[in-house]
Amino acid sequence: MTLPSRLIRPLLLAMGTAVLLGACTPTIRLQVDPIQIYAKLDADVRVRLDQELRDLLTENPNLF
């Protein structure tokens, strides 16, 4: 069985287009820069937290 000559050209064009489109694959590149966090706890912060905790415990003795 042979194809008519009027169908061969569109068929080859469709096959070529399919091959070319199949070769195109999207590429996604993601670059994430590292985040630097500097934290400094001061003794003053600890004293204030301790005082707040003491106040909270005196107001609510059944908290813990």
PDB file of N, CA and C in Angstrom:
ATOM      1  N   MET A   1       0.847  -1.172   0.000  1.00  0.00           N
ATOM      2  CA  MET A   1       0.000   0.000   0.000  1.00  0.00           C
ATOM      3  C   MET A   1       0.898   1.242   0.000  1.00  0.00           C
ATOM      4  N   THR A   2       0.644   2.116  -0.917  1.00  0.00           N
ATOM      5  CA  THR A   2       1.418   3.351  -1.011  1.00  0.00           C
ATOM      6  C   THR A   2       0.495   4.525  -0.752  1.00  0.00           C
ATOM      7  N   LEU A   3       1.083   5.567  -0.194  1.00  0.00           N
ATOM      8  CA  LEU A   3       0.321   6.787   0.071  1.00  0.00           C
ATOM      9  C   LEU A   3       0.296   7.647  -1.175  1.00  0.00           C
ATOM     10  N   PRO A   4      -0.789   8.344  -1.367  1.00  0.00           N
ATOM     11  CA  PRO A   4      -0.816   9.285  -2.493  1.00  0.00           C
ATOM     12  C   PRO A   4       0.216  10.384  -2.268  1.00  0.00           C
ATOM     13  N   SER A   5       0.756  10.892  -3.338  1.00  0.00           N
ATOM     14  CA  SER A   5       1.830  11.876  -3.247  1.00  0.00           C
ATOM     15  C   SER A   5       1.359  13.166  -2.586  1.00  0.00           C
ATOM     16  N   ARG A   6       0.071  13.469  -2.612  1.00  0.00           N
ATOM     17  CA  ARG A   6      -0.419  14.696  -1.975  1.00  0.00           C
ATOM     18  C   ARG A   6      -0.449  14.589  -0.447  1.00  0.00           C
ATOM     19  N   LEU A   7      -0.352  13.365   0.101  1.00  0.00           N
ATOM     20  CA  LEU A   7      -0.343  13.175   1.548  1.00  0.00           C
ATOM     21  C   LEU A   7       1.069  13.048   2.122  1.00  0.00           C
ATOM     22  N   ILE A   8       2.040  12.741   1.278  1.00  0.00           N
ATOM     23  CA  ILE A   8       3.400  12.507   1.771  1.00  0.00           C
ATOM     24  C   ILE A   8       4.018  13.788   2.325  1.00  0.00           C
ATOM     25  N   ARG A   9       3.877  14.886   1.619  1.00  0.00           N
ATOM     26  CA  ARG A   9       4.501  16.140   2.050  1.00  0.00           C
ATOM     27  C   ARG A   9       3.928  16.640   3.391  1.00  0.00           C
ATOM     28  N   PRO A  10       2.591  16.728   3.567  1.00  0.00           N
ATOM     29  CA  PRO A  10       2.066  17.153   4.874  1.00  0.00           C
ATOM     30  C   PRO A  10       2.432  16.182   6.003  1.00  0.00           C
ATOM     31  N   LEU A  11       2.497  14.892   5.681  1.00  0.00           N
ATOM     32  CA  LEU A  11       2.860  13.899   6.682  1.00  0.00           C
ATOM     33  C   LEU A  11       4.305  14.090   7.126  1.00  0.00           C
ATOM     34  N   LEU A  12       5.205  14.305   6.182  1.00  0.00           N
ATOM     35  CA  LEU A  12       6.603  14.559   6.532  1.00  0.00           C
ATOM     36  C   LEU A  12       6.750  15.865   7.311  1.00  0.00           C
ATOM     37  N   LEU A  13       6.008  16.869   6.936  1.00  0.00           N
ATOM     38  CA  LEU A  13       6.045  18.147   7.643  1.00  0.00           C
ATOM     39  C   LEU A  13       5.553  17.984   9.077  1.00  0.00           C
ATOM     40  N   ALA A  14       4.483  17.243   9.272  1.00  0.00           N
ATOM     41  CA  ALA A  14       3.946  17.008  10.614  1.00  0.00           C
ATOM     42  C   ALA A  14       4.935  16.203  11.454  1.00  0.00           C
ATOM     43  N   MET A  15       5.570  15.199  10.869  1.00  0.00           N
ATOM     44  CA  MET A  15       6.540  14.389  11.601  1.00  0.00           C
ATOM     45  C   MET A  15       7.767  15.228  11.964  1.00  0.00           C
ATOM     46  N   GLY A  16       8.226  16.075  11.071  1.00  0.00           N
ATOM     47  CA  GLY A  16       9.364  16.946  11.350  1.00  0.00           C
ATOM     48  C   GLY A  16       9.049  17.935  12.451  1.00  0.00           C
ATOM     49  N   THR A  17       7.852  18.502  12.404  1.00  0.00           N
ATOM     50  CA  THR A  17       7.432  19.450  13.437  1.00  0.00           C
ATOM     51  C   THR A  17       7.358  18.754  14.795  1.00  0.00           C
ATOM     52  N   ALA A  18       6.836  17.531  14.820  1.00  0.00           N
ATOM     53  CA  ALA A  18       6.732  16.781  16.074  1.00  0.00           C
ATOM     54  C   ALA A  18       8.115  16.489  16.647  1.00  0.00           C
ATOM     55  N   VAL A  19       9.060  16.157  15.792  1.00  0.00           N
ATOM     56  CA  VAL A  19      10.424  15.876  16.251  1.00  0.00           C
ATOM     57  C   VAL A  19      11.065  17.138  16.809  1.00  0.00           C
ATOM     58  N   LEU A  20      10.897  18.264  16.122  1.00  0.00           N
ATOM     59  CA  LEU A  20      11.491  19.519  16.588  1.00  0.00           C
ATOM     60  C   LEU A  20      10.873  19.987  17.895  1.00  0.00           C
ATOM     61  N   LEU A  21       9.558  19.881  18.022  1.00  0.00           N
ATOM     62  CA  LEU A  21       8.900  20.309  19.257  1.00  0.00           C
ATOM     63  C   LEU A  21       9.208  19.365  20.412  1.00  0.00           C
ATOM     64  N   GLY A  22       9.409  18.107  20.115  1.00  0.00           N
ATOM     65  CA  GLY A  22       9.755  17.144  21.153  1.00  0.00           C
ATOM     66  C   GLY A  22      11.148  17.366  21.697  1.00  0.00           C
ATOM     67  N   ALA A  23      12.013  17.969  20.910  1.00  0.00           N
ATOM     68  CA  ALA A  23      13.382  18.220  21.348  1.00  0.00           C
ATOM     69  C   ALA A  23      13.469  19.445  22.252  1.00  0.00           C
ATOM     70  N   CYS A  24      12.468  20.287  22.253  1.00  0.00           N
ATOM     71  CA  CYS A  24      12.476  21.495  23.082  1.00  0.00           C
ATOM     72  C   CYS A  24      11.969  21.154  24.477  1.00  0.00           C
ATOM     73  N   THR A  25      12.848  21.220  25.450  1.00  0.00           N
ATOM     74  CA  THR A  25      12.437  20.983  26.828  1.00  0.00           C
ATOM     75  C   THR A  25      12.767  22.223  27.639  1.00  0.00           C
ATOM     76  N   PRO A  26      11.841  22.679  28.452  1.00  0.00           N
ATOM     77  CA  PRO A  26      12.111  23.874  29.253  1.00  0.00           C
ATOM     78  C   PRO A  26      13.132  23.581  30.346  1.00  0.00           C
ATOM     79  N   THR A  27      13.976  24.545  30.612  1.00  0.00           N
ATOM     80  CA  THR A  27      14.982  24.424  31.659  1.00  0.00           C
ATOM     81  C   THR A  27      14.740  25.522  32.685  1.00  0.00           C
ATOM     82  N   ILE A  28      14.635  25.114  33.939  1.00  0.00           N
ATOM     83  CA  ILE A  28      14.416  26.076  35.017  1.00  0.00           C
ATOM     84  C   ILE A  28      15.628  26.009  35.934  1.00  0.00           C
ATOM     85  N   ARG A  29      16.254  27.151  36.130  1.00  0.00           N
ATOM     86  CA  ARG A  29      17.395  27.229  37.037  1.00  0.00           C
ATOM     87  C   ARG A  29      17.042  28.186  38.164  1.00  0.00           C
ATOM     88  N   LEU A  30      17.265  27.724  39.362  1.00  0.00           N
ATOM     89  CA  LEU A  30      16.932  28.512  40.542  1.00  0.00           C
ATOM     90  C   LEU A  30      18.176  28.651  41.399  1.00  0.00           C
ATOM     91  N   GLN A  31      18.520  29.880  41.701  1.00  0.00           N
ATOM     92  CA  GLN A  31      19.683  30.129  42.552  1.00  0.00           C
ATOM     93  C   GLN A  31      19.196  30.818  43.820  1.00  0.00           C
ATOM     94  N   VAL A  32      19.500  30.199  44.953  1.00  0.00           N
ATOM     95  CA  VAL A  32      19.089  30.747  46.239  1.00  0.00           C
ATOM     96  C   VAL A  32      20.342  31.151  46.999  1.00  0.00           C
ATOM     97  N   ASP A  33      20.409  32.396  47.376  1.00  0.00           N
ATOM     98  CA  ASP A  33      21.544  32.879  48.147  1.00  0.00           C
ATOM     99  C   ASP A  33      21.342  32.529  49.617  1.00  0.00           C
ATOM    100  N   PRO A  34      22.412  32.170  50.312  1.00  0.00           N
ATOM    101  CA  PRO A  34      22.269  31.839  51.739  1.00  0.00           C
ATOM    102  C   PRO A  34      21.900  33.078  52.553  1.00  0.00           C
ATOM    103  N   ILE A  35      21.115  32.843  53.578  1.00  0.00           N
ATOM    104  CA  ILE A  35      20.682  33.924  54.464  1.00  0.00           C
ATOM    105  C   ILE A  35      21.536  33.852  55.725  1.00  0.00           C
ATOM    106  N   GLN A  36      22.108  34.969  56.083  1.00  0.00           N
ATOM    107  CA  GLN A  36      22.919  35.014  57.294  1.00  0.00           C
ATOM    108  C   GLN A  36      22.144  35.773  58.374  1.00  0.00           C
ATOM    109  N   ILE A  37      22.008  35.122  59.507  1.00  0.00           N
ATOM    110  CA  ILE A  37      21.298  35.730  60.625  1.00  0.00           C
ATOM    111  C   ILE A  37      22.272  35.835  61.792  1.00  0.00           C
ATOM    112  N   TYR A  38      22.435  37.036  62.270  1.00  0.00           N
ATOM    113  CA  TYR A  38      23.299  37.269  63.419  1.00  0.00           C
ATOM    114  C   TYR A  38      22.412  37.569  64.626  1.00  0.00           C
ATOM    115  N   ALA A  39      22.555  36.773  65.659  1.00  0.00           N
ATOM    116  CA  ALA A  39      21.763  36.977  66.869  1.00  0.00           C
ATOM    117  C   ALA A  39      22.710  37.110  68.052  1.00  0.00           C
ATOM    118  N   LYS A  40      22.449  38.086  68.853  1.00  0.00           N
ATOM    119  CA  LYS A  40      23.273  38.305  70.036  1.00  0.00           C
ATOM    120  C   LYS A  40      22.335  38.459  71.226  1.00  0.00           C
ATOM    121  N   LEU A  41      22.445  37.535  72.159  1.00  0.00           N
ATOM    122  CA  LEU A  41      21.644  37.622  73.368  1.00  0.00           C
ATOM    123  C   LEU A  41      22.485  38.287  74.443  1.00  0.00           C
ATOM    124  N   ASP A  42      21.910  39.252  75.009  1.00  0.00           N
ATOM    125  CA  ASP A  42      22.610  40.017  76.039  1.00  0.00           C
ATOM    126  C   ASP A  42      22.144  39.544  77.408  1.00  0.00           C
ATOM    127  N   ALA A  43      22.966  39.698  78.414  1.00  0.00           N
ATOM    128  CA  ALA A  43      22.604  39.302  79.776  1.00  0.00           C
ATOM    129  C   ALA A  43      21.406  40.112  80.265  1.00  0.00           C
ATOM    130  N   ASP A  44      21.276  41.341  79.784  1.00  0.00           N
ATOM    131  CA  ASP A  44      20.164  42.193  80.171  1.00  0.00           C
ATOM    132  C   ASP A  44      18.833  41.596  79.706  1.00  0.00           C
ATOM    133  N   VAL A  45      18.829  41.000  78.537  1.00  0.00           N
ATOM    134  CA  VAL A  45      17.608  40.371  78.016  1.00  0.00           C
ATOM    135  C   VAL A  45      17.211  39.206  78.909  1.00  0.00           C
ATOM    136  N   ARG A  46      18.180  38.408  79.324  1.00  0.00           N
ATOM    137  CA  ARG A  46      17.886  37.267  80.192  1.00  0.00           C
ATOM    138  C   ARG A  46      17.345  37.723  81.540  1.00  0.00           C
ATOM    139  N   VAL A  47      17.882  38.793  82.082  1.00  0.00           N
ATOM    140  CA  VAL A  47      17.405  39.302  83.372  1.00  0.00           C
ATOM    141  C   VAL A  47      15.974  39.797  83.237  1.00  0.00           C
ATOM    142  N   ARG A  48      15.677  40.492  82.145  1.00  0.00           N
ATOM    143  CA  ARG A  48      14.305  40.984  81.948  1.00  0.00           C
ATOM    144  C   ARG A  48      13.333  39.825  81.775  1.00  0.00           C
ATOM    145  N   LEU A  49      13.739  38.800  81.034  1.00  0.00           N
ATOM    146  CA  LEU A  49      12.862  37.645  80.868  1.00  0.00           C
ATOM    147  C   LEU A  49      12.641  36.921  82.189  1.00  0.00           C
ATOM    148  N   ASP A  50      13.711  36.798  82.974  1.00  0.00           N
ATOM    149  CA  ASP A  50      13.559  36.157  84.282  1.00  0.00           C
ATOM    150  C   ASP A  50      12.595  36.946  85.168  1.00  0.00           C
ATOM    151  N   GLN A  51      12.686  38.250  85.152  1.00  0.00           N
ATOM    152  CA  GLN A  51      11.812  39.090  85.957  1.00  0.00           C
ATOM    153  C   GLN A  51      10.365  38.963  85.473  1.00  0.00           C
ATOM    154  N   GLU A  52      10.176  38.952  84.161  1.00  0.00           N
ATOM    155  CA  GLU A  52       8.812  38.801  83.620  1.00  0.00           C
ATOM    156  C   GLU A  52       8.240  37.440  83.999  1.00  0.00           C
ATOM    157  N   LEU A  53       9.066  36.414  83.964  1.00  0.00           N
ATOM    158  CA  LEU A  53       8.604  35.083  84.337  1.00  0.00           C
ATOM    159  C   LEU A  53       8.230  35.028  85.816  1.00  0.00           C
ATOM    160  N   ARG A  54       9.030  35.637  86.660  1.00  0.00           N
ATOM    161  CA  ARG A  54       8.708  35.693  88.100  1.00  0.00           C
ATOM    162  C   ARG A  54       7.383  36.421  88.328  1.00  0.00           C
ATOM    163  N   ASP A  55       7.193  37.543  87.638  1.00  0.00           N
ATOM    164  CA  ASP A  55       5.939  38.296  87.789  1.00  0.00           C
ATOM    165  C   ASP A  55       4.750  37.461  87.332  1.00  0.00           C
ATOM    166  N   LEU A  56       4.929  36.751  86.231  1.00  0.00           N
ATOM    167  CA  LEU A  56       3.850  35.919  85.709  1.00  0.00           C
ATOM    168  C   LEU A  56       3.508  34.798  86.683  1.00  0.00           C
ATOM    169  N   LEU A  57       4.519  34.189  87.288  1.00  0.00           N
ATOM    170  CA  LEU A  57       4.279  33.108  88.234  1.00  0.00           C
ATOM    171  C   LEU A  57       3.629  33.607  89.521  1.00  0.00           C
ATOM    172  N   THR A  58       3.952  34.819  89.944  1.00  0.00           N
ATOM    173  CA  THR A  58       3.306  35.339  91.147  1.00  0.00           C
ATOM    174  C   THR A  58       1.846  35.674  90.867  1.00  0.00           C
ATOM    175  N   GLU A  59       1.544  36.115  89.655  1.00  0.00           N
ATOM    176  CA  GLU A  59       0.145  36.403  89.295  1.00  0.00           C
ATOM    177  C   GLU A  59      -0.660  35.127  89.083  1.00  0.00           C
ATOM    178  N   ASN A  60      -0.022  34.081  88.540  1.00  0.00           N
ATOM    179  CA  ASN A  60      -0.700  32.801  88.246  1.00  0.00           C
ATOM    180  C   ASN A  60       0.101  31.654  88.847  1.00  0.00           C
ATOM    181  N   PRO A  61      -0.061  31.353  90.118  1.00  0.00           N
ATOM    182  CA  PRO A  61       0.756  30.308  90.745  1.00  0.00           C
ATOM    183  C   PRO A  61       0.450  28.910  90.210  1.00  0.00           C
ATOM    184  N   ASN A  62      -0.686  28.677  89.623  1.00  0.00           N
ATOM    185  CA  ASN A  62      -1.064  27.341  89.115  1.00  0.00           C
ATOM    186  C   ASN A  62      -0.742  27.198  87.630  1.00  0.00           C
ATOM    187  N   LEU A  63       0.111  28.059  87.109  1.00  0.00           N
ATOM    188  CA  LEU A  63       0.416  28.036  85.683  1.00  0.00           C
ATOM    189  C   LEU A  63       1.161  26.762  85.285  1.00  0.00           C
ATOM    190  N   PHE A  64       2.095  26.311  86.126  1.00  0.00           N
ATOM    191  CA  PHE A  64       2.857  25.115  85.795  1.00  0.00           C
ATOM    192  C   PHE A  64       2.475  23.992  86.711  1.00  0.00           C
TER     193      PHE A  64
END
